[in-house]
Amino acid sequence: RLGRWKVAEAAYAKAYPLAPKWGGLH
């Protein structure tokens, strides 16, 4: 929401192992 896309992308990659089957993450 802040437009910090690179940091957001890294956060999503970090969250992936915690919720790999959550469509919203993808």
PDB file of all heavy atoms in Angstrom:
ATOM      1  N   ARG A   1       0.817  -1.217   0.000  1.00  0.00           N
ATOM      2  CA  ARG A   1       0.000   0.000   0.000  1.00  0.00           C
ATOM      3  C   ARG A   1       0.846   1.260   0.000  1.00  0.00           C
ATOM      4  O   ARG A   1       0.411   2.305  -0.453  1.00  0.00           O
ATOM      5  CB  ARG A   1      -0.926   0.019   1.208  1.00  0.00           C
ATOM      6  CG  ARG A   1      -2.036  -0.969   1.096  1.00  0.00           C
ATOM      7  CD  ARG A   1      -2.981  -0.860   2.254  1.00  0.00           C
ATOM      8  NE  ARG A   1      -3.859  -2.014   2.263  1.00  0.00           N
ATOM      9  CZ  ARG A   1      -4.458  -2.487   3.309  1.00  0.00           C
ATOM     10  NH1 ARG A   1      -4.287  -1.917   4.482  1.00  0.00           N
ATOM     11  NH2 ARG A   1      -5.231  -3.545   3.231  1.00  0.00           N
ATOM     12  N   LEU A   2       2.051   1.150   0.511  1.00  0.00           N
ATOM     13  CA  LEU A   2       2.972   2.289   0.539  1.00  0.00           C
ATOM     14  C   LEU A   2       3.791   2.386  -0.742  1.00  0.00           C
ATOM     15  O   LEU A   2       4.594   3.297  -0.894  1.00  0.00           O
ATOM     16  CB  LEU A   2       3.922   2.163   1.733  1.00  0.00           C
ATOM     17  CG  LEU A   2       3.269   2.203   3.109  1.00  0.00           C
ATOM     18  CD1 LEU A   2       4.299   1.891   4.187  1.00  0.00           C
ATOM     19  CD2 LEU A   2       2.629   3.561   3.347  1.00  0.00           C
ATOM     20  N   GLY A   3       3.593   1.426  -1.645  1.00  0.00           N
ATOM     21  CA  GLY A   3       4.351   1.431  -2.892  1.00  0.00           C
ATOM     22  C   GLY A   3       5.764   0.903  -2.744  1.00  0.00           C
ATOM     23  O   GLY A   3       6.584   1.086  -3.635  1.00  0.00           O
ATOM     24  N   ARG A   4       6.028   0.223  -1.668  1.00  0.00           N
ATOM     25  CA  ARG A   4       7.367  -0.336  -1.435  1.00  0.00           C
ATOM     26  C   ARG A   4       7.372  -1.771  -1.965  1.00  0.00           C
ATOM     27  O   ARG A   4       7.431  -2.741  -1.213  1.00  0.00           O
ATOM     28  CB  ARG A   4       7.704  -0.262   0.048  1.00  0.00           C
ATOM     29  CG  ARG A   4       7.749   1.189   0.541  1.00  0.00           C
ATOM     30  CD  ARG A   4       8.110   1.319   1.974  1.00  0.00           C
ATOM     31  NE  ARG A   4       9.443   0.773   2.190  1.00  0.00           N
ATOM     32  CZ  ARG A   4       9.911   0.417   3.383  1.00  0.00           C
ATOM     33  NH1 ARG A   4       9.175   0.570   4.444  1.00  0.00           N
ATOM     34  NH2 ARG A   4      11.119  -0.094   3.499  1.00  0.00           N
ATOM     35  N   TRP A   5       7.304  -1.874  -3.282  1.00  0.00           N
ATOM     36  CA  TRP A   5       7.082  -3.161  -3.944  1.00  0.00           C
ATOM     37  C   TRP A   5       8.205  -4.152  -3.749  1.00  0.00           C
ATOM     38  O   TRP A   5       7.959  -5.341  -3.586  1.00  0.00           O
ATOM     39  CB  TRP A   5       6.796  -2.934  -5.429  1.00  0.00           C
ATOM     40  CG  TRP A   5       5.569  -2.112  -5.615  1.00  0.00           C
ATOM     41  CD1 TRP A   5       5.497  -0.812  -6.030  1.00  0.00           C
ATOM     42  CD2 TRP A   5       4.230  -2.513  -5.338  1.00  0.00           C
ATOM     43  NE1 TRP A   5       4.184  -0.388  -6.024  1.00  0.00           N
ATOM     44  CE2 TRP A   5       3.388  -1.420  -5.612  1.00  0.00           C
ATOM     45  CE3 TRP A   5       3.654  -3.701  -4.882  1.00  0.00           C
ATOM     46  CZ2 TRP A   5       2.014  -1.473  -5.464  1.00  0.00           C
ATOM     47  CZ3 TRP A   5       2.283  -3.752  -4.733  1.00  0.00           C
ATOM     48  CH2 TRP A   5       1.479  -2.656  -5.020  1.00  0.00           C
ATOM     49  N   LYS A   6       9.434  -3.683  -3.777  1.00  0.00           N
ATOM     50  CA  LYS A   6      10.566  -4.601  -3.624  1.00  0.00           C
ATOM     51  C   LYS A   6      10.571  -5.224  -2.223  1.00  0.00           C
ATOM     52  O   LYS A   6      10.777  -6.431  -2.070  1.00  0.00           O
ATOM     53  CB  LYS A   6      11.882  -3.873  -3.899  1.00  0.00           C
ATOM     54  CG  LYS A   6      13.061  -4.783  -4.028  1.00  0.00           C
ATOM     55  CD  LYS A   6      14.277  -4.040  -4.529  1.00  0.00           C
ATOM     56  CE  LYS A   6      15.396  -5.024  -4.784  1.00  0.00           C
ATOM     57  NZ  LYS A   6      16.545  -4.383  -5.402  1.00  0.00           N
ATOM     58  N   VAL A   7      10.319  -4.421  -1.222  1.00  0.00           N
ATOM     59  CA  VAL A   7      10.277  -4.916   0.155  1.00  0.00           C
ATOM     60  C   VAL A   7       9.057  -5.816   0.340  1.00  0.00           C
ATOM     61  O   VAL A   7       9.128  -6.848   1.010  1.00  0.00           O
ATOM     62  CB  VAL A   7      10.275  -3.743   1.158  1.00  0.00           C
ATOM     63  CG1 VAL A   7      10.242  -4.246   2.585  1.00  0.00           C
ATOM     64  CG2 VAL A   7      11.492  -2.856   0.945  1.00  0.00           C
ATOM     65  N   ALA A   8       7.934  -5.425  -0.273  1.00  0.00           N
ATOM     66  CA  ALA A   8       6.716  -6.244  -0.187  1.00  0.00           C
ATOM     67  C   ALA A   8       6.956  -7.612  -0.824  1.00  0.00           C
ATOM     68  O   ALA A   8       6.562  -8.637  -0.259  1.00  0.00           O
ATOM     69  CB  ALA A   8       5.558  -5.538  -0.876  1.00  0.00           C
ATOM     70  N   GLU A   9       7.584  -7.630  -1.989  1.00  0.00           N
ATOM     71  CA  GLU A   9       7.858  -8.906  -2.669  1.00  0.00           C
ATOM     72  C   GLU A   9       8.718  -9.807  -1.798  1.00  0.00           C
ATOM     73  O   GLU A   9       8.471 -11.001  -1.682  1.00  0.00           O
ATOM     74  CB  GLU A   9       8.522  -8.651  -4.026  1.00  0.00           C
ATOM     75  CG  GLU A   9       8.568  -9.864  -4.928  1.00  0.00           C
ATOM     76  CD  GLU A   9       9.758 -10.772  -4.694  1.00  0.00           C
ATOM     77  OE1 GLU A   9      10.793 -10.264  -4.237  1.00  0.00           O
ATOM     78  OE2 GLU A   9       9.651 -11.978  -4.981  1.00  0.00           O
ATOM     79  N   ALA A  10       9.709  -9.237  -1.140  1.00  0.00           N
ATOM     80  CA  ALA A  10      10.567 -10.018  -0.243  1.00  0.00           C
ATOM     81  C   ALA A  10       9.767 -10.554   0.946  1.00  0.00           C
ATOM     82  O   ALA A  10       9.981 -11.693   1.384  1.00  0.00           O
ATOM     83  CB  ALA A  10      11.741  -9.163   0.244  1.00  0.00           C
ATOM     84  N   ALA A  11       8.835  -9.757   1.441  1.00  0.00           N
ATOM     85  CA  ALA A  11       8.001 -10.203   2.561  1.00  0.00           C
ATOM     86  C   ALA A  11       7.090 -11.353   2.138  1.00  0.00           C
ATOM     87  O   ALA A  11       6.889 -12.306   2.893  1.00  0.00           O
ATOM     88  CB  ALA A  11       7.174  -9.040   3.093  1.00  0.00           C
ATOM     89  N   TYR A  12       6.542 -11.286   0.921  1.00  0.00           N
ATOM     90  CA  TYR A  12       5.699 -12.380   0.431  1.00  0.00           C
ATOM     91  C   TYR A  12       6.524 -13.658   0.275  1.00  0.00           C
ATOM     92  O   TYR A  12       6.059 -14.746   0.616  1.00  0.00           O
ATOM     93  CB  TYR A  12       5.034 -12.010  -0.895  1.00  0.00           C
ATOM     94  CG  TYR A  12       4.077 -10.844  -0.781  1.00  0.00           C
ATOM     95  CD1 TYR A  12       4.110  -9.805  -1.700  1.00  0.00           C
ATOM     96  CD2 TYR A  12       3.140 -10.774   0.246  1.00  0.00           C
ATOM     97  CE1 TYR A  12       3.237  -8.736  -1.600  1.00  0.00           C
ATOM     98  CE2 TYR A  12       2.269  -9.699   0.355  1.00  0.00           C
ATOM     99  CZ  TYR A  12       2.316  -8.686  -0.576  1.00  0.00           C
ATOM    100  OH  TYR A  12       1.456  -7.632  -0.473  1.00  0.00           O
ATOM    101  N   ALA A  13       7.734 -13.513  -0.217  1.00  0.00           N
ATOM    102  CA  ALA A  13       8.602 -14.686  -0.360  1.00  0.00           C
ATOM    103  C   ALA A  13       8.911 -15.294   1.009  1.00  0.00           C
ATOM    104  O   ALA A  13       8.948 -16.522   1.159  1.00  0.00           O
ATOM    105  CB  ALA A  13       9.894 -14.298  -1.078  1.00  0.00           C
ATOM    106  N   LYS A  14       9.095 -14.445   1.996  1.00  0.00           N
ATOM    107  CA  LYS A  14       9.372 -14.927   3.347  1.00  0.00           C
ATOM    108  C   LYS A  14       8.139 -15.594   3.963  1.00  0.00           C
ATOM    109  O   LYS A  14       8.259 -16.568   4.714  1.00  0.00           O
ATOM    110  CB  LYS A  14       9.824 -13.752   4.216  1.00  0.00           C
ATOM    111  CG  LYS A  14      10.319 -14.152   5.570  1.00  0.00           C
ATOM    112  CD  LYS A  14      10.858 -12.947   6.324  1.00  0.00           C
ATOM    113  CE  LYS A  14      11.347 -13.337   7.697  1.00  0.00           C
ATOM    114  NZ  LYS A  14      11.863 -12.195   8.458  1.00  0.00           N
ATOM    115  N   ALA A  15       6.949 -15.093   3.626  1.00  0.00           N
ATOM    116  CA  ALA A  15       5.706 -15.648   4.162  1.00  0.00           C
ATOM    117  C   ALA A  15       5.323 -16.965   3.501  1.00  0.00           C
ATOM    118  O   ALA A  15       4.587 -17.760   4.090  1.00  0.00           O
ATOM    119  CB  ALA A  15       4.570 -14.648   3.984  1.00  0.00           C
ATOM    120  N   TYR A  16       5.817 -17.208   2.312  1.00  0.00           N
ATOM    121  CA  TYR A  16       5.421 -18.387   1.548  1.00  0.00           C
ATOM    122  C   TYR A  16       5.555 -19.701   2.335  1.00  0.00           C
ATOM    123  O   TYR A  16       4.615 -20.494   2.341  1.00  0.00           O
ATOM    124  CB  TYR A  16       6.204 -18.460   0.237  1.00  0.00           C
ATOM    125  CG  TYR A  16       5.954 -19.731  -0.519  1.00  0.00           C
ATOM    126  CD1 TYR A  16       4.750 -19.933  -1.192  1.00  0.00           C
ATOM    127  CD2 TYR A  16       6.898 -20.742  -0.547  1.00  0.00           C
ATOM    128  CE1 TYR A  16       4.505 -21.109  -1.876  1.00  0.00           C
ATOM    129  CE2 TYR A  16       6.663 -21.916  -1.233  1.00  0.00           C
ATOM    130  CZ  TYR A  16       5.462 -22.095  -1.884  1.00  0.00           C
ATOM    131  OH  TYR A  16       5.219 -23.264  -2.554  1.00  0.00           O
ATOM    132  N   PRO A  17       6.671 -19.969   3.025  1.00  0.00           N
ATOM    133  CA  PRO A  17       6.763 -21.235   3.770  1.00  0.00           C
ATOM    134  C   PRO A  17       5.711 -21.375   4.872  1.00  0.00           C
ATOM    135  O   PRO A  17       5.362 -22.484   5.264  1.00  0.00           O
ATOM    136  CB  PRO A  17       8.170 -21.210   4.372  1.00  0.00           C
ATOM    137  CG  PRO A  17       8.938 -20.246   3.560  1.00  0.00           C
ATOM    138  CD  PRO A  17       7.934 -19.232   3.086  1.00  0.00           C
ATOM    139  N   LEU A  18       5.193 -20.250   5.355  1.00  0.00           N
ATOM    140  CA  LEU A  18       4.196 -20.281   6.416  1.00  0.00           C
ATOM    141  C   LEU A  18       2.785 -20.556   5.901  1.00  0.00           C
ATOM    142  O   LEU A  18       1.953 -21.080   6.638  1.00  0.00           O
ATOM    143  CB  LEU A  18       4.207 -18.949   7.173  1.00  0.00           C
ATOM    144  CG  LEU A  18       5.552 -18.556   7.789  1.00  0.00           C
ATOM    145  CD1 LEU A  18       5.480 -17.150   8.357  1.00  0.00           C
ATOM    146  CD2 LEU A  18       5.948 -19.559   8.865  1.00  0.00           C
ATOM    147  N   ALA A  19       2.517 -20.182   4.643  1.00  0.00           N
ATOM    148  CA  ALA A  19       1.162 -20.343   4.093  1.00  0.00           C
ATOM    149  C   ALA A  19       1.219 -20.630   2.592  1.00  0.00           C
ATOM    150  O   ALA A  19       0.699 -19.865   1.788  1.00  0.00           O
ATOM    151  CB  ALA A  19       0.347 -19.094   4.364  1.00  0.00           C
ATOM    152  N   PRO A  20       1.843 -21.729   2.195  1.00  0.00           N
ATOM    153  CA  PRO A  20       2.036 -21.990   0.764  1.00  0.00           C
ATOM    154  C   PRO A  20       0.750 -22.248  -0.019  1.00  0.00           C
ATOM    155  O   PRO A  20       0.728 -22.073  -1.229  1.00  0.00           O
ATOM    156  CB  PRO A  20       2.931 -23.229   0.753  1.00  0.00           C
ATOM    157  CG  PRO A  20       2.654 -23.900   2.055  1.00  0.00           C
ATOM    158  CD  PRO A  20       2.384 -22.785   3.027  1.00  0.00           C
ATOM    159  N   LYS A  21      -0.333 -22.600   0.671  1.00  0.00           N
ATOM    160  CA  LYS A  21      -1.582 -22.916  -0.021  1.00  0.00           C
ATOM    161  C   LYS A  21      -2.617 -21.798   0.068  1.00  0.00           C
ATOM    162  O   LYS A  21      -3.767 -21.988  -0.296  1.00  0.00           O
ATOM    163  CB  LYS A  21      -2.172 -24.218   0.529  1.00  0.00           C
ATOM    164  CG  LYS A  21      -1.284 -25.403   0.244  1.00  0.00           C
ATOM    165  CD  LYS A  21      -1.890 -26.671   0.762  1.00  0.00           C
ATOM    166  CE  LYS A  21      -0.944 -27.839   0.470  1.00  0.00           C
ATOM    167  NZ  LYS A  21      -1.489 -29.095   0.971  1.00  0.00           N
ATOM    168  N   TRP A  22      -2.213 -20.633   0.547  1.00  0.00           N
ATOM    169  CA  TRP A  22      -3.130 -19.505   0.653  1.00  0.00           C
ATOM    170  C   TRP A  22      -3.081 -18.708  -0.647  1.00  0.00           C
ATOM    171  O   TRP A  22      -2.072 -18.098  -0.985  1.00  0.00           O
ATOM    172  CB  TRP A  22      -2.760 -18.637   1.841  1.00  0.00           C
ATOM    173  CG  TRP A  22      -3.634 -17.429   1.998  1.00  0.00           C
ATOM    174  CD1 TRP A  22      -4.964 -17.321   1.698  1.00  0.00           C
ATOM    175  CD2 TRP A  22      -3.232 -16.149   2.480  1.00  0.00           C
ATOM    176  NE1 TRP A  22      -5.406 -16.065   1.970  1.00  0.00           N
ATOM    177  CE2 TRP A  22      -4.370 -15.326   2.454  1.00  0.00           C
ATOM    178  CE3 TRP A  22      -2.035 -15.640   2.938  1.00  0.00           C
ATOM    179  CZ2 TRP A  22      -4.331 -14.005   2.863  1.00  0.00           C
ATOM    180  CZ3 TRP A  22      -2.006 -14.337   3.348  1.00  0.00           C
ATOM    181  CH2 TRP A  22      -3.145 -13.536   3.315  1.00  0.00           C
ATOM    182  N   GLY A  23      -4.171 -18.725  -1.382  1.00  0.00           N
ATOM    183  CA  GLY A  23      -4.236 -18.038  -2.666  1.00  0.00           C
ATOM    184  C   GLY A  23      -4.009 -16.545  -2.566  1.00  0.00           C
ATOM    185  O   GLY A  23      -3.417 -15.939  -3.455  1.00  0.00           O
ATOM    186  N   GLY A  24      -4.478 -15.937  -1.475  1.00  0.00           N
ATOM    187  CA  GLY A  24      -4.310 -14.496  -1.312  1.00  0.00           C
ATOM    188  C   GLY A  24      -2.853 -14.066  -1.303  1.00  0.00           C
ATOM    189  O   GLY A  24      -2.509 -13.001  -1.824  1.00  0.00           O
ATOM    190  N   LEU A  25      -2.015 -14.883  -0.734  1.00  0.00           N
ATOM    191  CA  LEU A  25      -0.580 -14.593  -0.736  1.00  0.00           C
ATOM    192  C   LEU A  25      -0.066 -14.534  -2.170  1.00  0.00           C
ATOM    193  O   LEU A  25       0.654 -13.615  -2.550  1.00  0.00           O
ATOM    194  CB  LEU A  25       0.189 -15.651   0.060  1.00  0.00           C
ATOM    195  CG  LEU A  25       1.712 -15.599  -0.041  1.00  0.00           C
ATOM    196  CD1 LEU A  25       2.265 -14.308   0.543  1.00  0.00           C
ATOM    197  CD2 LEU A  25       2.322 -16.798   0.648  1.00  0.00           C
ATOM    198  N   HIS A  26      -0.476 -15.500  -2.970  1.00  0.00           N
ATOM    199  CA  HIS A  26      -0.009 -15.552  -4.362  1.00  0.00           C
ATOM    200  C   HIS A  26      -0.574 -14.402  -5.192  1.00  0.00           C
ATOM    201  O   HIS A  26       0.114 -13.877  -6.069  1.00  0.00           O
ATOM    202  CB  HIS A  26      -0.355 -16.905  -4.973  1.00  0.00           C
ATOM    203  CG  HIS A  26       0.406 -18.030  -4.352  1.00  0.00           C
ATOM    204  ND1 HIS A  26       1.660 -18.396  -4.767  1.00  0.00           N
ATOM    205  CD2 HIS A  26       0.097 -18.850  -3.324  1.00  0.00           C
ATOM    206  CE1 HIS A  26       2.098 -19.401  -4.034  1.00  0.00           C
ATOM    207  NE2 HIS A  26       1.149 -19.697  -3.144  1.00  0.00           N
TER     208      HIS A  26
END
